[in-house]
N, C-alpha and C. Protein backbone atom coordinates (compact mmCIF):
# COMPACT_ATOMS: atom_id res chain seq x y z
N MET A 1 0.81 -1.21 0.06
CA MET A 1 -0.10 0.13 0.03
C MET A 1 1.00 1.29 -0.12
N SER A 2 0.60 2.18 -0.85
CA SER A 2 1.58 3.38 -0.92
C SER A 2 1.08 4.17 0.22
N PRO A 3 2.11 5.29 0.73
CA PRO A 3 1.81 6.19 1.57
C PRO A 3 0.46 6.99 1.41
N THR A 4 0.11 7.16 0.10
CA THR A 4 -1.10 7.85 -0.01
C THR A 4 -2.37 6.91 -0.32
N CYS A 5 -3.53 7.32 -0.19
CA CYS A 5 -4.52 6.53 -0.39
C CYS A 5 -4.76 6.26 -1.89
N SER A 6 -5.34 5.03 -2.21
CA SER A 6 -5.34 4.62 -3.71
C SER A 6 -6.70 5.08 -4.28
N THR A 7 -7.76 5.56 -3.36
CA THR A 7 -8.95 5.93 -3.57
C THR A 7 -9.54 7.14 -2.80
N SER A 8 -10.28 7.97 -3.36
CA SER A 8 -10.87 8.95 -2.61
C SER A 8 -11.59 8.48 -1.51
N SER A 9 -12.21 7.18 -1.65
CA SER A 9 -13.12 6.72 -0.56
C SER A 9 -12.03 6.32 0.80
N GLU A 10 -11.14 5.92 0.37
CA GLU A 10 -10.21 5.77 1.58
C GLU A 10 -9.87 6.93 2.46
N THR A 11 -9.47 8.03 1.61
CA THR A 11 -9.29 9.43 2.31
C THR A 11 -10.41 9.90 2.98
N ASP A 12 -11.70 9.49 2.57
CA ASP A 12 -13.24 9.63 3.36
C ASP A 12 -13.08 8.84 4.67
N LEU A 13 -12.61 7.53 4.54
CA LEU A 13 -12.38 6.74 5.72
C LEU A 13 -11.65 7.42 6.62
N PHE A 14 -10.55 7.87 6.25
CA PHE A 14 -9.75 8.31 7.32
C PHE A 14 -10.31 9.52 8.08
N ALA A 15 -10.91 10.41 7.14
CA ALA A 15 -11.53 11.46 7.83
C ALA A 15 -12.78 11.29 8.78
N SER A 16 -13.38 10.14 8.20
CA SER A 16 -14.65 9.87 9.09
C SER A 16 -14.35 8.93 10.48
N LEU A 17 -13.30 8.55 10.57
CA LEU A 17 -13.16 7.68 11.71
C LEU A 17 -13.05 8.55 13.27
N SER A 18 -13.39 7.73 14.26
CA SER A 18 -13.71 8.59 15.43
C SER A 18 -12.84 8.79 16.31
N SER A 19 -11.62 8.09 16.22
CA SER A 19 -10.67 8.36 17.16
C SER A 19 -9.71 9.42 16.66
N PRO A 20 -8.79 9.95 17.64
CA PRO A 20 -8.11 11.13 17.20
C PRO A 20 -7.11 10.62 16.07
N GLU A 21 -6.49 11.53 15.33
CA GLU A 21 -5.70 11.34 14.02
C GLU A 21 -4.45 10.71 14.47
N ARG A 22 -3.63 11.29 15.47
CA ARG A 22 -2.51 10.52 15.71
C ARG A 22 -2.54 9.17 16.22
N LYS A 23 -3.63 8.87 16.98
CA LYS A 23 -3.88 7.62 17.47
C LYS A 23 -4.45 6.63 16.37
N ARG A 24 -5.21 7.19 15.41
CA ARG A 24 -5.60 6.29 14.41
C ARG A 24 -4.49 6.12 13.29
N THR A 25 -3.71 6.95 13.19
CA THR A 25 -2.53 6.76 12.33
C THR A 25 -1.73 5.64 12.95
N SER A 26 -1.37 5.71 14.35
CA SER A 26 -0.47 4.80 14.94
C SER A 26 -1.13 3.61 14.72
N ARG A 27 -2.26 3.16 14.87
CA ARG A 27 -3.10 1.93 14.89
C ARG A 27 -2.87 1.34 13.47
N LEU A 28 -3.18 2.29 12.46
CA LEU A 28 -3.19 1.68 11.04
C LEU A 28 -1.66 1.28 10.84
N LEU A 29 -0.62 2.11 11.08
CA LEU A 29 0.70 1.75 11.10
C LEU A 29 1.03 0.39 11.59
N GLN A 30 0.49 0.03 12.96
CA GLN A 30 0.64 -1.12 13.52
C GLN A 30 0.04 -2.07 12.70
N LEU A 31 -1.13 -1.92 12.06
CA LEU A 31 -1.84 -3.18 11.44
C LEU A 31 -0.93 -3.25 10.18
N LEU A 32 -0.59 -2.09 9.30
CA LEU A 32 0.27 -2.17 8.02
C LEU A 32 1.56 -3.10 8.61
N ASP A 33 2.23 -2.81 9.60
CA ASP A 33 3.46 -3.52 9.92
C ASP A 33 3.15 -5.00 10.18
N ALA A 34 1.94 -5.42 10.78
CA ALA A 34 1.80 -6.55 11.29
C ALA A 34 1.14 -7.39 10.03
N ALA A 35 0.38 -6.86 9.16
CA ALA A 35 -0.41 -7.58 8.11
C ALA A 35 0.17 -7.35 6.75
N GLY A 36 0.77 -6.21 6.50
CA GLY A 36 1.30 -6.02 5.28
C GLY A 36 0.24 -4.93 4.65
N GLY A 37 0.88 -4.30 3.41
CA GLY A 37 0.08 -3.38 2.59
C GLY A 37 -1.37 -3.90 1.95
N ASP A 38 -1.01 -5.19 0.97
CA ASP A 38 -2.27 -5.78 0.47
C ASP A 38 -3.24 -6.03 1.41
N ALA A 39 -2.96 -6.69 2.50
CA ALA A 39 -4.01 -6.91 3.52
C ALA A 39 -4.73 -6.06 4.00
N LEU A 40 -4.07 -4.77 4.31
CA LEU A 40 -4.54 -3.56 4.96
C LEU A 40 -5.68 -2.96 3.95
N GLU A 41 -5.11 -2.81 2.64
CA GLU A 41 -5.85 -2.12 1.67
C GLU A 41 -7.18 -3.04 1.40
N ASP A 42 -7.00 -4.28 1.18
CA ASP A 42 -8.27 -5.33 1.07
C ASP A 42 -9.17 -5.08 2.04
N ALA A 43 -8.71 -5.06 3.33
CA ALA A 43 -9.40 -4.82 4.57
C ALA A 43 -10.25 -3.35 4.45
N LEU A 44 -9.39 -2.47 4.10
CA LEU A 44 -10.20 -0.78 4.12
C LEU A 44 -11.17 -0.95 3.02
N VAL A 45 -10.96 -1.65 1.88
CA VAL A 45 -11.96 -1.61 0.73
C VAL A 45 -13.20 -2.46 1.32
N GLU A 46 -13.13 -3.58 1.94
CA GLU A 46 -14.13 -4.26 2.61
C GLU A 46 -15.08 -3.36 3.53
N VAL A 47 -14.17 -2.81 4.39
CA VAL A 47 -14.92 -1.89 5.46
C VAL A 47 -15.76 -0.93 4.85
N LEU A 48 -15.34 -0.19 3.58
CA LEU A 48 -15.96 0.82 2.99
C LEU A 48 -17.26 0.26 2.36
N GLU A 49 -17.00 -0.82 1.97
CA GLU A 49 -18.42 -1.65 1.19
C GLU A 49 -19.25 -1.91 2.12
N ARG A 50 -18.71 -2.19 3.32
CA ARG A 50 -19.80 -2.60 4.42
C ARG A 50 -20.43 -1.31 5.16
N GLY A 51 -19.66 -0.40 5.27
CA GLY A 51 -19.98 0.79 5.82
C GLY A 51 -19.85 0.77 7.44
N THR A 52 -18.82 -0.04 7.75
CA THR A 52 -18.45 -0.24 9.10
C THR A 52 -17.14 0.46 9.20
N ILE A 53 -17.00 1.59 9.31
CA ILE A 53 -16.00 2.42 9.05
C ILE A 53 -15.37 2.82 10.48
N HIS A 54 -14.54 2.00 11.10
CA HIS A 54 -13.55 2.06 12.12
C HIS A 54 -12.48 1.33 12.27
N ILE A 55 -11.57 1.69 13.20
CA ILE A 55 -10.33 0.93 13.00
C ILE A 55 -10.58 -0.64 13.37
N GLY A 56 -11.24 -0.95 14.48
CA GLY A 56 -11.73 -2.21 14.71
C GLY A 56 -12.27 -3.13 13.82
N ALA A 57 -13.21 -2.60 12.96
CA ALA A 57 -13.47 -3.56 11.76
C ALA A 57 -12.34 -3.80 10.78
N VAL A 58 -11.63 -2.72 10.53
CA VAL A 58 -10.35 -2.98 9.84
C VAL A 58 -9.51 -4.32 10.28
N ARG A 59 -9.24 -4.25 11.46
CA ARG A 59 -8.48 -5.33 12.21
C ARG A 59 -9.35 -6.51 12.20
N GLN A 60 -10.56 -6.55 12.32
CA GLN A 60 -11.39 -7.84 12.49
C GLN A 60 -11.52 -8.30 11.01
N VAL A 61 -11.39 -7.52 9.98
CA VAL A 61 -11.40 -7.98 8.68
C VAL A 61 -9.93 -8.62 8.28
N ILE A 62 -8.84 -7.96 8.70
CA ILE A 62 -7.55 -8.61 8.69
C ILE A 62 -7.48 -9.95 9.44
N ASP A 63 -7.99 -10.07 10.58
CA ASP A 63 -7.84 -11.26 11.39
C ASP A 63 -8.76 -12.34 10.76
N ARG A 64 -9.85 -11.96 10.15
CA ARG A 64 -10.74 -13.09 9.57
C ARG A 64 -10.01 -13.48 8.24
N GLN A 65 -9.43 -12.69 7.41
CA GLN A 65 -8.93 -13.07 6.21
C GLN A 65 -7.77 -13.95 6.49
N ARG A 66 -6.95 -13.69 7.57
CA ARG A 66 -5.76 -14.60 7.89
C ARG A 66 -6.24 -15.87 8.35
N SER A 67 -7.22 -15.98 9.11
CA SER A 67 -7.75 -17.30 9.71
C SER A 67 -8.49 -18.03 8.71
N GLU A 68 -9.02 -17.44 7.60
CA GLU A 68 -9.57 -18.05 6.58
C GLU A 68 -8.47 -18.70 5.70
N ARG A 69 -7.16 -18.05 5.62
CA ARG A 69 -6.08 -18.73 4.99
C ARG A 69 -5.40 -19.50 5.66
N GLY A 70 -5.71 -19.95 7.12
CA GLY A 70 -5.19 -20.84 8.10
C GLY A 70 -3.67 -20.37 8.26
N LEU A 71 -3.77 -18.77 8.56
CA LEU A 71 -2.41 -18.37 9.10
C LEU A 71 -2.70 -17.87 10.54
N ALA A 72 -1.63 -17.72 11.50
CA ALA A 72 -1.89 -17.32 12.83
C ALA A 72 -2.08 -15.86 12.75
N LEU A 73 -2.89 -15.42 13.85
CA LEU A 73 -3.02 -13.95 13.86
C LEU A 73 -1.86 -13.10 14.34
N PRO A 74 -1.58 -12.18 13.76
CA PRO A 74 -0.38 -11.22 14.03
C PRO A 74 -0.52 -10.76 15.46
N LEU A 75 0.55 -10.54 16.15
CA LEU A 75 0.64 -9.80 17.35
C LEU A 75 1.10 -8.41 16.88
N THR A 76 0.23 -7.59 17.74
CA THR A 76 0.62 -6.02 17.28
C THR A 76 0.95 -5.31 18.53
N ILE A 77 1.42 -6.04 19.61
CA ILE A 77 1.71 -5.64 20.71
C ILE A 77 3.08 -5.18 20.78
N PRO A 78 3.21 -3.74 20.93
CA PRO A 78 4.89 -3.43 20.64
C PRO A 78 5.69 -3.88 21.79
N LEU A 79 6.88 -4.46 21.51
CA LEU A 79 7.58 -4.92 22.46
C LEU A 79 9.17 -4.15 22.48
N THR A 80 9.53 -3.94 23.62
CA THR A 80 10.83 -3.06 23.51
C THR A 80 12.09 -4.34 23.27
N PRO A 81 13.06 -3.78 22.69
CA PRO A 81 14.22 -4.79 22.72
C PRO A 81 14.75 -5.02 24.09
N SER A 82 14.92 -6.34 24.16
CA SER A 82 15.55 -6.88 25.57
C SER A 82 16.56 -8.19 25.30
N GLU A 83 17.16 -8.49 26.34
CA GLU A 83 17.84 -9.86 26.31
C GLU A 83 16.97 -10.87 25.73
N HIS A 84 15.54 -10.78 26.14
CA HIS A 84 14.69 -11.99 26.05
C HIS A 84 13.90 -11.90 24.61
N SER A 85 14.21 -10.76 23.95
CA SER A 85 13.45 -10.64 22.47
C SER A 85 13.21 -11.56 21.69
N ASP A 86 14.29 -12.50 21.49
CA ASP A 86 14.48 -13.60 20.59
C ASP A 86 14.10 -14.98 21.36
N LEU A 87 13.52 -14.67 22.70
CA LEU A 87 13.07 -16.07 23.40
C LEU A 87 11.74 -16.66 22.55
N VAL A 88 11.68 -18.02 22.50
CA VAL A 88 10.64 -18.59 21.75
C VAL A 88 10.34 -19.68 22.92
N VAL A 89 8.72 -19.64 23.25
CA VAL A 89 8.31 -20.23 24.22
C VAL A 89 7.47 -21.45 23.64
N THR A 90 7.90 -22.71 23.99
CA THR A 90 7.16 -23.96 23.28
C THR A 90 6.44 -24.56 24.40
N PRO A 91 5.00 -24.45 24.19
CA PRO A 91 3.97 -25.07 25.13
C PRO A 91 4.08 -26.59 25.33
N HIS A 92 3.78 -27.01 26.24
CA HIS A 92 3.78 -28.36 26.48
C HIS A 92 2.36 -29.12 26.12
N ALA A 93 2.64 -30.20 26.05
CA ALA A 93 1.14 -31.11 25.69
C ALA A 93 -0.07 -30.90 26.80
N LEU A 94 -1.26 -30.54 26.75
CA LEU A 94 -2.16 -30.31 27.64
C LEU A 94 -2.67 -31.55 28.16
N ALA A 95 -2.38 -32.71 27.64
CA ALA A 95 -2.67 -34.16 28.18
C ALA A 95 -2.27 -34.32 29.36
N THR A 96 -1.14 -33.69 29.86
CA THR A 96 -0.49 -34.10 31.17
C THR A 96 -1.38 -33.47 32.39
N TYR A 97 -2.28 -32.43 32.00
CA TYR A 97 -3.23 -32.16 32.94
C TYR A 97 -4.34 -33.13 33.35
N ASP A 98 -4.76 -34.05 32.15
CA ASP A 98 -5.63 -35.04 32.30
C ASP A 98 -4.92 -35.98 33.22
N THR A 99 -3.51 -36.48 33.12
CA THR A 99 -3.04 -37.40 33.99
C THR A 99 -3.18 -36.71 35.41
N LEU A 100 -2.67 -35.60 35.62
CA LEU A 100 -2.84 -35.24 37.06
C LEU A 100 -4.29 -35.36 37.50
N LYS A 101 -5.23 -35.01 36.85
CA LYS A 101 -6.74 -34.94 37.18
C LYS A 101 -7.14 -36.58 37.76
N LYS A 102 -6.56 -37.38 36.80
CA LYS A 102 -6.58 -38.88 37.07
C LYS A 102 -6.23 -39.16 38.45
N ASP A 103 -4.81 -38.87 38.67
CA ASP A 103 -3.94 -39.23 39.74
C ASP A 103 -4.89 -38.68 41.11
N GLU A 104 -5.26 -37.42 41.02
CA GLU A 104 -6.11 -36.76 42.26
C GLU A 104 -7.47 -37.55 42.49
N ASN A 105 -8.04 -37.95 41.42
CA ASN A 105 -9.13 -38.69 41.74
C ASN A 105 -8.94 -40.02 42.36
N HIS A 106 -7.77 -40.61 42.05
CA HIS A 106 -7.57 -41.76 42.85
C HIS A 106 -6.96 -41.92 44.20
N ASP A 107 -6.38 -40.52 44.47
CA ASP A 107 -6.03 -40.49 45.94
C ASP A 107 -7.08 -40.07 46.92
N HIS A 108 -8.37 -39.85 46.32
CA HIS A 108 -9.30 -39.58 47.64
C HIS A 108 -10.28 -40.86 47.70
C-alpha cells in the first residue's frame, strides 16, 4: 500500500474515523506492519463496502482473512528490545493435565 490512499473513499474513511488522528495513524501503521500493505488495503475496501468505518472493523477483517487462509493472527503488541526478545516459548502437551486429574481422583 502506498503512503497515499489509492481511492478517494479511503481518504473519506480516514476523515470519518472517530479516534483522534495520531492514535488512528498509529493503529493503522501497526496493522500495516503486522499484516502488510495488500491485506490492509483489502480490509479497508471491505470496510468501506460494508459501511463499518472504524479501526476495529479493519482489524477484524484482517484477522478473519488471515484465519480463512490458515495463518496465525499477527501480534501487534509493541515489544521493546531486550535480552529476551528472541526467546521462543514452546508449550507442553495439555494431556499431562488429564493425567494429573486422574491421579487426584485416585488419591481420594
